[in-house]
Amino acid sequence: MMVATPPPADAVLLCYCSCPDAASAKAIAATLVDEKLAACVSCLPGVTSTYRWQGAVTTDDEHLLLIKTTAARFEAMKTRLLTLHPYELPELVGVPVAQGHRAYLDWVREQSAG
């Protein structure tokens, strides 16, 4: 079994989180940015998700949040997101950014600094 090495604290993460509606997506995005848990949150409406939940296959229309933060802020961001999110088991996946515009990545680090 391969064990993943956590990214360095200053690594920029792109985190994915689906929301059931525009209101919850907007509230989560605004809070994460206002509290400097994320530099930016983009909301993509019109995402259709198909998944198995409680033994049944379900398809729902959702809004997908793209949350830009750092590895150092991930745990605090996750804790806050889980208090705000209406789902019992929200999707939250953080992916380290391997390449990007250096000035933008520096901006994400600066804006997400606790």
PDB file of N, CA and C in Angstrom:
ATOM      1  N   MET A   1       0.841  -1.177   0.000  1.00  0.00           N
ATOM      2  CA  MET A   1       0.000   0.000   0.000  1.00  0.00           C
ATOM      3  C   MET A   1       0.888   1.243   0.000  1.00  0.00           C
ATOM      4  N   MET A   2       0.582   2.172  -0.882  1.00  0.00           N
ATOM      5  CA  MET A   2       1.345   3.409  -0.993  1.00  0.00           C
ATOM      6  C   MET A   2       0.735   4.467  -0.073  1.00  0.00           C
ATOM      7  N   VAL A   3       1.570   5.139   0.683  1.00  0.00           N
ATOM      8  CA  VAL A   3       1.115   6.202   1.576  1.00  0.00           C
ATOM      9  C   VAL A   3       1.474   7.537   0.943  1.00  0.00           C
ATOM     10  N   ALA A   4       0.476   8.399   0.803  1.00  0.00           N
ATOM     11  CA  ALA A   4       0.701   9.715   0.205  1.00  0.00           C
ATOM     12  C   ALA A   4       1.442  10.611   1.185  1.00  0.00           C
ATOM     13  N   THR A   5       2.387  11.366   0.669  1.00  0.00           N
ATOM     14  CA  THR A   5       3.107  12.339   1.470  1.00  0.00           C
ATOM     15  C   THR A   5       2.326  13.646   1.450  1.00  0.00           C
ATOM     16  N   PRO A   6       2.041  14.220   2.607  1.00  0.00           N
ATOM     17  CA  PRO A   6       1.307  15.490   2.610  1.00  0.00           C
ATOM     18  C   PRO A   6       2.128  16.579   1.923  1.00  0.00           C
ATOM     19  N   PRO A   7       1.439  17.504   1.245  1.00  0.00           N
ATOM     20  CA  PRO A   7       2.163  18.602   0.599  1.00  0.00           C
ATOM     21  C   PRO A   7       2.748  19.540   1.647  1.00  0.00           C
ATOM     22  N   PRO A   8       3.786  20.304   1.272  1.00  0.00           N
ATOM     23  CA  PRO A   8       4.324  21.291   2.215  1.00  0.00           C
ATOM     24  C   PRO A   8       3.256  22.326   2.579  1.00  0.00           C
ATOM     25  N   ALA A   9       3.413  22.946   3.733  1.00  0.00           N
ATOM     26  CA  ALA A   9       2.414  23.887   4.246  1.00  0.00           C
ATOM     27  C   ALA A   9       2.128  25.031   3.280  1.00  0.00           C
ATOM     28  N   ASP A  10       3.134  25.454   2.509  1.00  0.00           N
ATOM     29  CA  ASP A  10       2.915  26.583   1.598  1.00  0.00           C
ATOM     30  C   ASP A  10       2.404  26.145   0.230  1.00  0.00           C
ATOM     31  N   ALA A  11       2.126  24.847   0.054  1.00  0.00           N
ATOM     32  CA  ALA A  11       1.584  24.369  -1.219  1.00  0.00           C
ATOM     33  C   ALA A  11       0.176  24.920  -1.422  1.00  0.00           C
ATOM     34  N   VAL A  12      -0.113  25.330  -2.645  1.00  0.00           N
ATOM     35  CA  VAL A  12      -1.457  25.788  -2.983  1.00  0.00           C
ATOM     36  C   VAL A  12      -2.295  24.561  -3.317  1.00  0.00           C
ATOM     37  N   LEU A  13      -3.520  24.556  -2.807  1.00  0.00           N
ATOM     38  CA  LEU A  13      -4.461  23.475  -3.071  1.00  0.00           C
ATOM     39  C   LEU A  13      -5.649  24.000  -3.857  1.00  0.00           C
ATOM     40  N   LEU A  14      -6.163  23.165  -4.741  1.00  0.00           N
ATOM     41  CA  LEU A  14      -7.440  23.407  -5.396  1.00  0.00           C
ATOM     42  C   LEU A  14      -8.389  22.382  -4.801  1.00  0.00           C
ATOM     43  N   CYS A  15      -9.404  22.863  -4.075  1.00  0.00           N
ATOM     44  CA  CYS A  15     -10.318  21.973  -3.369  1.00  0.00           C
ATOM     45  C   CYS A  15     -11.681  22.001  -4.038  1.00  0.00           C
ATOM     46  N   TYR A  16     -12.265  20.834  -4.162  1.00  0.00           N
ATOM     47  CA  TYR A  16     -13.572  20.680  -4.787  1.00  0.00           C
ATOM     48  C   TYR A  16     -14.611  20.396  -3.714  1.00  0.00           C
ATOM     49  N   CYS A  17     -15.758  21.067  -3.815  1.00  0.00           N
ATOM     50  CA  CYS A  17     -16.856  20.839  -2.882  1.00  0.00           C
ATOM     51  C   CYS A  17     -18.169  21.089  -3.615  1.00  0.00           C
ATOM     52  N   SER A  18     -19.064  20.108  -3.600  1.00  0.00           N
ATOM     53  CA  SER A  18     -20.358  20.298  -4.246  1.00  0.00           C
ATOM     54  C   SER A  18     -21.390  20.755  -3.214  1.00  0.00           C
ATOM     55  N   CYS A  19     -22.326  21.611  -3.680  1.00  0.00           N
ATOM     56  CA  CYS A  19     -23.376  22.168  -2.830  1.00  0.00           C
ATOM     57  C   CYS A  19     -24.729  21.952  -3.505  1.00  0.00           C
ATOM     58  N   PRO A  20     -25.795  21.835  -2.717  1.00  0.00           N
ATOM     59  CA  PRO A  20     -27.093  21.538  -3.304  1.00  0.00           C
ATOM     60  C   PRO A  20     -27.768  22.712  -4.019  1.00  0.00           C
ATOM     61  N   ASP A  21     -27.346  23.940  -3.715  1.00  0.00           N
ATOM     62  CA  ASP A  21     -28.035  25.098  -4.294  1.00  0.00           C
ATOM     63  C   ASP A  21     -27.119  26.327  -4.278  1.00  0.00           C
ATOM     64  N   ALA A  22     -27.557  27.350  -4.992  1.00  0.00           N
ATOM     65  CA  ALA A  22     -26.766  28.574  -5.109  1.00  0.00           C
ATOM     66  C   ALA A  22     -26.611  29.281  -3.770  1.00  0.00           C
ATOM     67  N   ALA A  23     -27.646  29.271  -2.946  1.00  0.00           N
ATOM     68  CA  ALA A  23     -27.583  29.993  -1.667  1.00  0.00           C
ATOM     69  C   ALA A  23     -26.518  29.402  -0.745  1.00  0.00           C
ATOM     70  N   SER A  24     -26.476  28.084  -0.611  1.00  0.00           N
ATOM     71  CA  SER A  24     -25.468  27.492   0.276  1.00  0.00           C
ATOM     72  C   SER A  24     -24.074  27.661  -0.314  1.00  0.00           C
ATOM     73  N   ALA A  25     -23.942  27.536  -1.622  1.00  0.00           N
ATOM     74  CA  ALA A  25     -22.641  27.726  -2.267  1.00  0.00           C
ATOM     75  C   ALA A  25     -22.128  29.146  -2.044  1.00  0.00           C
ATOM     76  N   LYS A  26     -23.000  30.122  -2.216  1.00  0.00           N
ATOM     77  CA  LYS A  26     -22.611  31.526  -2.043  1.00  0.00           C
ATOM     78  C   LYS A  26     -22.231  31.821  -0.588  1.00  0.00           C
ATOM     79  N   ALA A  27     -22.986  31.292   0.351  1.00  0.00           N
ATOM     80  CA  ALA A  27     -22.704  31.531   1.767  1.00  0.00           C
ATOM     81  C   ALA A  27     -21.369  30.908   2.169  1.00  0.00           C
ATOM     82  N   ILE A  28     -21.111  29.689   1.726  1.00  0.00           N
ATOM     83  CA  ILE A  28     -19.850  29.022   2.045  1.00  0.00           C
ATOM     84  C   ILE A  28     -18.689  29.788   1.431  1.00  0.00           C
ATOM     85  N   ALA A  29     -18.809  30.152   0.154  1.00  0.00           N
ATOM     86  CA  ALA A  29     -17.741  30.883  -0.538  1.00  0.00           C
ATOM     87  C   ALA A  29     -17.419  32.196   0.174  1.00  0.00           C
ATOM     88  N   ALA A  30     -18.443  32.963   0.481  1.00  0.00           N
ATOM     89  CA  ALA A  30     -18.235  34.264   1.119  1.00  0.00           C
ATOM     90  C   ALA A  30     -17.569  34.111   2.486  1.00  0.00           C
ATOM     91  N   THR A  31     -17.992  33.138   3.266  1.00  0.00           N
ATOM     92  CA  THR A  31     -17.420  32.934   4.593  1.00  0.00           C
ATOM     93  C   THR A  31     -15.966  32.514   4.511  1.00  0.00           C
ATOM     94  N   LEU A  32     -15.646  31.570   3.635  1.00  0.00           N
ATOM     95  CA  LEU A  32     -14.264  31.091   3.531  1.00  0.00           C
ATOM     96  C   LEU A  32     -13.313  32.203   3.121  1.00  0.00           C
ATOM     97  N   VAL A  33     -13.746  33.056   2.191  1.00  0.00           N
ATOM     98  CA  VAL A  33     -12.889  34.162   1.754  1.00  0.00           C
ATOM     99  C   VAL A  33     -12.829  35.240   2.835  1.00  0.00           C
ATOM    100  N   ASP A  34     -13.976  35.573   3.419  1.00  0.00           N
ATOM    101  CA  ASP A  34     -14.006  36.609   4.460  1.00  0.00           C
ATOM    102  C   ASP A  34     -13.119  36.249   5.644  1.00  0.00           C
ATOM    103  N   GLU A  35     -13.085  34.970   6.004  1.00  0.00           N
ATOM    104  CA  GLU A  35     -12.299  34.526   7.156  1.00  0.00           C
ATOM    105  C   GLU A  35     -10.874  34.118   6.782  1.00  0.00           C
ATOM    106  N   LYS A  36     -10.467  34.426   5.551  1.00  0.00           N
ATOM    107  CA  LYS A  36      -9.116  34.147   5.047  1.00  0.00           C
ATOM    108  C   LYS A  36      -8.747  32.660   5.120  1.00  0.00           C
ATOM    109  N   LEU A  37      -9.757  31.821   4.973  1.00  0.00           N
ATOM    110  CA  LEU A  37      -9.522  30.384   4.900  1.00  0.00           C
ATOM    111  C   LEU A  37      -9.294  29.962   3.451  1.00  0.00           C
ATOM    112  N   ALA A  38      -9.627  30.849   2.530  1.00  0.00           N
ATOM    113  CA  ALA A  38      -9.407  30.647   1.099  1.00  0.00           C
ATOM    114  C   ALA A  38      -9.157  32.007   0.466  1.00  0.00           C
ATOM    115  N   ALA A  39      -8.347  32.016  -0.575  1.00  0.00           N
ATOM    116  CA  ALA A  39      -8.080  33.261  -1.295  1.00  0.00           C
ATOM    117  C   ALA A  39      -9.215  33.579  -2.250  1.00  0.00           C
ATOM    118  N   CYS A  40      -9.783  32.540  -2.835  1.00  0.00           N
ATOM    119  CA  CYS A  40     -10.816  32.697  -3.853  1.00  0.00           C
ATOM    120  C   CYS A  40     -11.647  31.425  -3.884  1.00  0.00           C
ATOM    121  N   VAL A  41     -12.940  31.577  -4.131  1.00  0.00           N
ATOM    122  CA  VAL A  41     -13.811  30.427  -4.342  1.00  0.00           C
ATOM    123  C   VAL A  41     -14.630  30.703  -5.591  1.00  0.00           C
ATOM    124  N   SER A  42     -14.499  29.850  -6.576  1.00  0.00           N
ATOM    125  CA  SER A  42     -15.287  29.958  -7.800  1.00  0.00           C
ATOM    126  C   SER A  42     -16.441  28.978  -7.711  1.00  0.00           C
ATOM    127  N   CYS A  43     -17.618  29.408  -8.165  1.00  0.00           N
ATOM    128  CA  CYS A  43     -18.804  28.556  -8.122  1.00  0.00           C
ATOM    129  C   CYS A  43     -19.256  28.240  -9.542  1.00  0.00           C
ATOM    130  N   LEU A  44     -19.338  26.953  -9.832  1.00  0.00           N
ATOM    131  CA  LEU A  44     -19.794  26.489 -11.140  1.00  0.00           C
ATOM    132  C   LEU A  44     -21.192  25.906 -10.997  1.00  0.00           C
ATOM    133  N   PRO A  45     -22.227  26.629 -11.453  1.00  0.00           N
ATOM    134  CA  PRO A  45     -23.581  26.088 -11.377  1.00  0.00           C
ATOM    135  C   PRO A  45     -23.806  25.052 -12.484  1.00  0.00           C
ATOM    136  N   GLY A  46     -24.865  24.303 -12.352  1.00  0.00           N
ATOM    137  CA  GLY A  46     -25.254  23.392 -13.421  1.00  0.00           C
ATOM    138  C   GLY A  46     -24.469  22.095 -13.471  1.00  0.00           C
ATOM    139  N   VAL A  47     -23.884  21.674 -12.358  1.00  0.00           N
ATOM    140  CA  VAL A  47     -23.166  20.402 -12.302  1.00  0.00           C
ATOM    141  C   VAL A  47     -24.182  19.324 -11.929  1.00  0.00           C
ATOM    142  N   THR A  48     -24.145  18.221 -12.636  1.00  0.00           N
ATOM    143  CA  THR A  48     -25.003  17.089 -12.307  1.00  0.00           C
ATOM    144  C   THR A  48     -24.136  15.990 -11.724  1.00  0.00           C
ATOM    145  N   SER A  49     -24.473  15.552 -10.518  1.00  0.00           N
ATOM    146  CA  SER A  49     -23.707  14.513  -9.838  1.00  0.00           C
ATOM    147  C   SER A  49     -24.561  13.254  -9.696  1.00  0.00           C
ATOM    148  N   THR A  50     -23.963  12.119 -10.020  1.00  0.00           N
ATOM    149  CA  THR A  50     -24.601  10.821  -9.833  1.00  0.00           C
ATOM    150  C   THR A  50     -23.749  10.040  -8.855  1.00  0.00           C
ATOM    151  N   TYR A  51     -24.367   9.511  -7.807  1.00  0.00           N
ATOM    152  CA  TYR A  51     -23.630   8.850  -6.745  1.00  0.00           C
ATOM    153  C   TYR A  51     -24.543   7.854  -6.024  1.00  0.00           C
ATOM    154  N   ARG A  52     -23.922   6.962  -5.275  1.00  0.00           N
ATOM    155  CA  ARG A  52     -24.686   6.021  -4.463  1.00  0.00           C
ATOM    156  C   ARG A  52     -24.751   6.586  -3.044  1.00  0.00           C
ATOM    157  N   TRP A  53     -25.963   6.700  -2.505  1.00  0.00           N
ATOM    158  CA  TRP A  53     -26.142   7.197  -1.152  1.00  0.00           C
ATOM    159  C   TRP A  53     -27.209   6.356  -0.460  1.00  0.00           C
ATOM    160  N   GLN A  54     -26.863   5.786   0.662  1.00  0.00           N
ATOM    161  CA  GLN A  54     -27.756   4.960   1.461  1.00  0.00           C
ATOM    162  C   GLN A  54     -28.405   3.858   0.629  1.00  0.00           C
ATOM    163  N   GLY A  55     -27.570   3.215  -0.202  1.00  0.00           N
ATOM    164  CA  GLY A  55     -28.002   2.063  -0.978  1.00  0.00           C
ATOM    165  C   GLY A  55     -28.710   2.349  -2.281  1.00  0.00           C
ATOM    166  N   ALA A  56     -28.917   3.609  -2.625  1.00  0.00           N
ATOM    167  CA  ALA A  56     -29.617   3.947  -3.860  1.00  0.00           C
ATOM    168  C   ALA A  56     -28.753   4.861  -4.722  1.00  0.00           C
ATOM    169  N   VAL A  57     -28.855   4.675  -6.036  1.00  0.00           N
ATOM    170  CA  VAL A  57     -28.172   5.577  -6.964  1.00  0.00           C
ATOM    171  C   VAL A  57     -29.032   6.814  -7.134  1.00  0.00           C
ATOM    172  N   THR A  58     -28.415   7.969  -6.940  1.00  0.00           N
ATOM    173  CA  THR A  58     -29.107   9.255  -6.961  1.00  0.00           C
ATOM    174  C   THR A  58     -28.425  10.185  -7.945  1.00  0.00           C
ATOM    175  N   THR A  59     -29.198  11.021  -8.601  1.00  0.00           N
ATOM    176  CA  THR A  59     -28.662  12.064  -9.473  1.00  0.00           C
ATOM    177  C   THR A  59     -29.256  13.393  -9.025  1.00  0.00           C
ATOM    178  N   ASP A  60     -28.374  14.374  -8.778  1.00  0.00           N
ATOM    179  CA  ASP A  60     -28.806  15.697  -8.315  1.00  0.00           C
ATOM    180  C   ASP A  60     -28.106  16.795  -9.108  1.00  0.00           C
ATOM    181  N   ASP A  61     -28.801  17.912  -9.271  1.00  0.00           N
ATOM    182  CA  ASP A  61     -28.180  19.123  -9.798  1.00  0.00           C
ATOM    183  C   ASP A  61     -27.508  19.819  -8.630  1.00  0.00           C
ATOM    184  N   GLU A  62     -26.257  20.233  -8.835  1.00  0.00           N
ATOM    185  CA  GLU A  62     -25.487  20.850  -7.766  1.00  0.00           C
ATOM    186  C   GLU A  62     -24.694  22.042  -8.295  1.00  0.00           C
ATOM    187  N   HIS A  63     -24.070  22.746  -7.368  1.00  0.00           N
ATOM    188  CA  HIS A  63     -23.125  23.821  -7.660  1.00  0.00           C
ATOM    189  C   HIS A  63     -21.778  23.339  -7.144  1.00  0.00           C
ATOM    190  N   LEU A  64     -20.750  23.454  -7.980  1.00  0.00           N
ATOM    191  CA  LEU A  64     -19.422  22.995  -7.594  1.00  0.00           C
ATOM    192  C   LEU A  64     -18.564  24.183  -7.196  1.00  0.00           C
ATOM    193  N   LEU A  65     -18.016  24.127  -5.985  1.00  0.00           N
ATOM    194  CA  LEU A  65     -17.089  25.150  -5.524  1.00  0.00           C
ATOM    195  C   LEU A  65     -15.670  24.707  -5.836  1.00  0.00           C
ATOM    196  N   LEU A  66     -14.875  25.638  -6.368  1.00  0.00           N
ATOM    197  CA  LEU A  66     -13.442  25.453  -6.567  1.00  0.00           C
ATOM    198  C   LEU A  66     -12.768  26.402  -5.582  1.00  0.00           C
ATOM    199  N   ILE A  67     -12.234  25.835  -4.524  1.00  0.00           N
ATOM    200  CA  ILE A  67     -11.692  26.608  -3.412  1.00  0.00           C
ATOM    201  C   ILE A  67     -10.175  26.649  -3.530  1.00  0.00           C
ATOM    202  N   LYS A  68      -9.609  27.846  -3.582  1.00  0.00           N
ATOM    203  CA  LYS A  68      -8.156  28.009  -3.667  1.00  0.00           C
ATOM    204  C   LYS A  68      -7.624  28.414  -2.305  1.00  0.00           C
ATOM    205  N   THR A  69      -6.782  27.553  -1.734  1.00  0.00           N
ATOM    206  CA  THR A  69      -6.226  27.785  -0.402  1.00  0.00           C
ATOM    207  C   THR A  69      -4.844  27.152  -0.335  1.00  0.00           C
ATOM    208  N   THR A  70      -4.294  27.065   0.865  1.00  0.00           N
ATOM    209  CA  THR A  70      -2.984  26.425   1.042  1.00  0.00           C
ATOM    210  C   THR A  70      -3.135  25.190   1.927  1.00  0.00           C
ATOM    211  N   ALA A  71      -2.135  24.335   1.858  1.00  0.00           N
ATOM    212  CA  ALA A  71      -2.131  23.140   2.705  1.00  0.00           C
ATOM    213  C   ALA A  71      -2.173  23.527   4.180  1.00  0.00           C
ATOM    214  N   ALA A  72      -1.513  24.615   4.534  1.00  0.00           N
ATOM    215  CA  ALA A  72      -1.502  25.068   5.927  1.00  0.00           C
ATOM    216  C   ALA A  72      -2.885  25.458   6.427  1.00  0.00           C
ATOM    217  N   ARG A  73      -3.741  25.923   5.542  1.00  0.00           N
ATOM    218  CA  ARG A  73      -5.080  26.386   5.925  1.00  0.00           C
ATOM    219  C   ARG A  73      -6.163  25.335   5.714  1.00  0.00           C
ATOM    220  N   PHE A  74      -5.783  24.188   5.127  1.00  0.00           N
ATOM    221  CA  PHE A  74      -6.792  23.192   4.757  1.00  0.00           C
ATOM    222  C   PHE A  74      -7.625  22.726   5.953  1.00  0.00           C
ATOM    223  N   GLU A  75      -7.006  22.338   7.049  1.00  0.00           N
ATOM    224  CA  GLU A  75      -7.761  21.801   8.185  1.00  0.00           C
ATOM    225  C   GLU A  75      -8.737  22.832   8.752  1.00  0.00           C
ATOM    226  N   ALA A  76      -8.301  24.073   8.889  1.00  0.00           N
ATOM    227  CA  ALA A  76      -9.198  25.124   9.388  1.00  0.00           C
ATOM    228  C   ALA A  76     -10.334  25.376   8.400  1.00  0.00           C
ATOM    229  N   MET A  77     -10.001  25.392   7.108  1.00  0.00           N
ATOM    230  CA  MET A  77     -11.031  25.581   6.080  1.00  0.00           C
ATOM    231  C   MET A  77     -12.026  24.432   6.119  1.00  0.00           C
ATOM    232  N   LYS A  78     -11.530  23.203   6.232  1.00  0.00           N
ATOM    233  CA  LYS A  78     -12.404  22.024   6.279  1.00  0.00           C
ATOM    234  C   LYS A  78     -13.340  22.092   7.480  1.00  0.00           C
ATOM    235  N   THR A  79     -12.802  22.425   8.634  1.00  0.00           N
ATOM    236  CA  THR A  79     -13.622  22.512   9.844  1.00  0.00           C
ATOM    237  C   THR A  79     -14.749  23.522   9.667  1.00  0.00           C
ATOM    238  N   ARG A  80     -14.416  24.684   9.116  1.00  0.00           N
ATOM    239  CA  ARG A  80     -15.428  25.734   8.915  1.00  0.00           C
ATOM    240  C   ARG A  80     -16.446  25.315   7.871  1.00  0.00           C
ATOM    241  N   LEU A  81     -15.986  24.749   6.780  1.00  0.00           N
ATOM    242  CA  LEU A  81     -16.891  24.304   5.712  1.00  0.00           C
ATOM    243  C   LEU A  81     -17.883  23.275   6.252  1.00  0.00           C
ATOM    244  N   LEU A  82     -17.407  22.348   7.059  1.00  0.00           N
ATOM    245  CA  LEU A  82     -18.297  21.310   7.583  1.00  0.00           C
ATOM    246  C   LEU A  82     -19.366  21.887   8.510  1.00  0.00           C
ATOM    247  N   THR A  83     -19.075  23.003   9.177  1.00  0.00           N
ATOM    248  CA  THR A  83     -20.103  23.630  10.027  1.00  0.00           C
ATOM    249  C   THR A  83     -21.151  24.366   9.191  1.00  0.00           C
ATOM    250  N   LEU A  84     -20.784  24.791   7.998  1.00  0.00           N
ATOM    251  CA  LEU A  84     -21.686  25.567   7.144  1.00  0.00           C
ATOM    252  C   LEU A  84     -22.482  24.723   6.161  1.00  0.00           C
ATOM    253  N   HIS A  85     -21.966  23.577   5.792  1.00  0.00           N
ATOM    254  CA  HIS A  85     -22.520  22.795   4.688  1.00  0.00           C
ATOM    255  C   HIS A  85     -23.793  22.068   5.090  1.00  0.00           C
ATOM    256  N   PRO A  86     -24.827  22.096   4.224  1.00  0.00           N
ATOM    257  CA  PRO A  86     -26.088  21.431   4.577  1.00  0.00           C
ATOM    258  C   PRO A  86     -26.070  19.902   4.415  1.00  0.00           C
ATOM    259  N   TYR A  87     -25.112  19.351   3.686  1.00  0.00           N
ATOM    260  CA  TYR A  87     -25.078  17.899   3.501  1.00  0.00           C
ATOM    261  C   TYR A  87     -24.569  17.186   4.746  1.00  0.00           C
ATOM    262  N   GLU A  88     -25.060  15.986   4.955  1.00  0.00           N
ATOM    263  CA  GLU A  88     -24.569  15.132   6.040  1.00  0.00           C
ATOM    264  C   GLU A  88     -23.119  14.730   5.798  1.00  0.00           C
ATOM    265  N   LEU A  89     -22.765  14.475   4.532  1.00  0.00           N
ATOM    266  CA  LEU A  89     -21.415  14.057   4.159  1.00  0.00           C
ATOM    267  C   LEU A  89     -20.968  14.860   2.936  1.00  0.00           C
ATOM    268  N   PRO A  90     -20.505  16.096   3.152  1.00  0.00           N
ATOM    269  CA  PRO A  90     -20.106  16.930   2.011  1.00  0.00           C
ATOM    270  C   PRO A  90     -18.853  16.399   1.319  1.00  0.00           C
ATOM    271  N   GLU A  91     -18.833  16.568   0.023  1.00  0.00           N
ATOM    272  CA  GLU A  91     -17.621  16.298  -0.761  1.00  0.00           C
ATOM    273  C   GLU A  91     -16.620  17.401  -0.450  1.00  0.00           C
ATOM    274  N   LEU A  92     -15.402  17.021  -0.113  1.00  0.00           N
ATOM    275  CA  LEU A  92     -14.308  17.982   0.004  1.00  0.00           C
ATOM    276  C   LEU A  92     -13.028  17.242  -0.330  1.00  0.00           C
ATOM    277  N   VAL A  93     -12.439  17.604  -1.464  1.00  0.00           N
ATOM    278  CA  VAL A  93     -11.218  16.970  -1.939  1.00  0.00           C
ATOM    279  C   VAL A  93     -10.222  18.075  -2.259  1.00  0.00           C
ATOM    280  N   GLY A  94      -9.036  17.991  -1.689  1.00  0.00           N
ATOM    281  CA  GLY A  94      -7.983  18.969  -1.946  1.00  0.00           C
ATOM    282  C   GLY A  94      -6.890  18.361  -2.798  1.00  0.00           C
ATOM    283  N   VAL A  95      -6.564  19.041  -3.891  1.00  0.00           N
ATOM    284  CA  VAL A  95      -5.552  18.567  -4.826  1.00  0.00           C
ATOM    285  C   VAL A  95      -4.413  19.586  -4.881  1.00  0.00           C
ATOM    286  N   PRO A  96      -3.171  19.154  -4.603  1.00  0.00           N
ATOM    287  CA  PRO A  96      -2.050  20.098  -4.689  1.00  0.00           C
ATOM    288  C   PRO A  96      -1.867  20.594  -6.126  1.00  0.00           C
ATOM    289  N   VAL A  97      -1.596  21.877  -6.258  1.00  0.00           N
ATOM    290  CA  VAL A  97      -1.347  22.474  -7.565  1.00  0.00           C
ATOM    291  C   VAL A  97       0.129  22.253  -7.905  1.00  0.00           C
ATOM    292  N   ALA A  98       0.382  21.527  -8.988  1.00  0.00           N
ATOM    293  CA  ALA A  98       1.751  21.206  -9.379  1.00  0.00           C
ATOM    294  C   ALA A  98       2.380  22.305 -10.235  1.00  0.00           C
ATOM    295  N   GLN A  99       1.585  22.998 -11.002  1.00  0.00           N
ATOM    296  CA  GLN A  99       2.061  24.060 -11.888  1.00  0.00           C
ATOM    297  C   GLN A  99       1.051  25.194 -11.859  1.00  0.00           C
ATOM    298  N   GLY A 100       1.527  26.409 -12.096  1.00  0.00           N
ATOM    299  CA  GLY A 100       0.625  27.545 -12.145  1.00  0.00           C
ATOM    300  C   GLY A 100       1.395  28.839 -12.340  1.00  0.00           C
ATOM    301  N   HIS A 101       0.646  29.899 -12.539  1.00  0.00           N
ATOM    302  CA  HIS A 101       1.219  31.236 -12.682  1.00  0.00           C
ATOM    303  C   HIS A 101       1.758  31.647 -11.311  1.00  0.00           C
ATOM    304  N   ARG A 102       3.068  31.798 -11.201  1.00  0.00           N
ATOM    305  CA  ARG A 102       3.718  32.034  -9.910  1.00  0.00           C
ATOM    306  C   ARG A 102       3.106  33.219  -9.159  1.00  0.00           C
ATOM    307  N   ALA A 103       2.844  34.310  -9.849  1.00  0.00           N
ATOM    308  CA  ALA A 103       2.278  35.490  -9.179  1.00  0.00           C
ATOM    309  C   ALA A 103       0.900  35.169  -8.596  1.00  0.00           C
ATOM    310  N   TYR A 104       0.093  34.397  -9.315  1.00  0.00           N
ATOM    311  CA  TYR A 104      -1.226  34.011  -8.809  1.00  0.00           C
ATOM    312  C   TYR A 104      -1.082  33.104  -7.588  1.00  0.00           C
ATOM    313  N   LEU A 105      -0.207  32.124  -7.669  1.00  0.00           N
ATOM    314  CA  LEU A 105      -0.016  31.199  -6.551  1.00  0.00           C
ATOM    315  C   LEU A 105       0.486  31.942  -5.308  1.00  0.00           C
ATOM    316  N   ASP A 106       1.367  32.922  -5.509  1.00  0.00           N
ATOM    317  CA  ASP A 106       1.834  33.741  -4.388  1.00  0.00           C
ATOM    318  C   ASP A 106       0.677  34.537  -3.783  1.00  0.00           C
ATOM    319  N   TRP A 107      -0.208  35.038  -4.653  1.00  0.00           N
ATOM    320  CA  TRP A 107      -1.384  35.776  -4.196  1.00  0.00           C
ATOM    321  C   TRP A 107      -2.282  34.872  -3.351  1.00  0.00           C
ATOM    322  N   VAL A 108      -2.493  33.620  -3.789  1.00  0.00           N
ATOM    323  CA  VAL A 108      -3.304  32.678  -3.005  1.00  0.00           C
ATOM    324  C   VAL A 108      -2.674  32.489  -1.629  1.00  0.00           C
ATOM    325  N   ARG A 109      -1.376  32.310  -1.581  1.00  0.00           N
ATOM    326  CA  ARG A 109      -0.689  32.139  -0.288  1.00  0.00           C
ATOM    327  C   ARG A 109      -0.898  33.359   0.613  1.00  0.00           C
ATOM    328  N   GLU A 110      -0.740  34.538   0.021  1.00  0.00           N
ATOM    329  CA  GLU A 110      -0.876  35.786   0.790  1.00  0.00           C
ATOM    330  C   GLU A 110      -2.299  35.958   1.314  1.00  0.00           C
ATOM    331  N   GLN A 111      -3.287  35.722   0.470  1.00  0.00           N
ATOM    332  CA  GLN A 111      -4.682  35.937   0.844  1.00  0.00           C
ATOM    333  C   GLN A 111      -5.214  34.880   1.810  1.00  0.00           C
ATOM    334  N   SER A 112      -4.585  33.711   1.832  1.00  0.00           N
ATOM    335  CA  SER A 112      -5.021  32.623   2.719  1.00  0.00           C
ATOM    336  C   SER A 112      -4.254  32.584   4.023  1.00  0.00           C
ATOM    337  N   ALA A 113      -3.317  33.483   4.192  1.00  0.00           N
ATOM    338  CA  ALA A 113      -2.484  33.464   5.395  1.00  0.00           C
ATOM    339  C   ALA A 113      -3.341  33.711   6.628  1.00  0.00           C
ATOM    340  N   GLY A 114      -3.166  32.864   7.617  1.00  0.00           N
ATOM    341  CA  GLY A 114      -3.942  33.001   8.869  1.00  0.00           C
ATOM    342  C   GLY A 114      -3.354  34.056   9.705  1.00  0.00           C
TER     343      GLY A 114
END
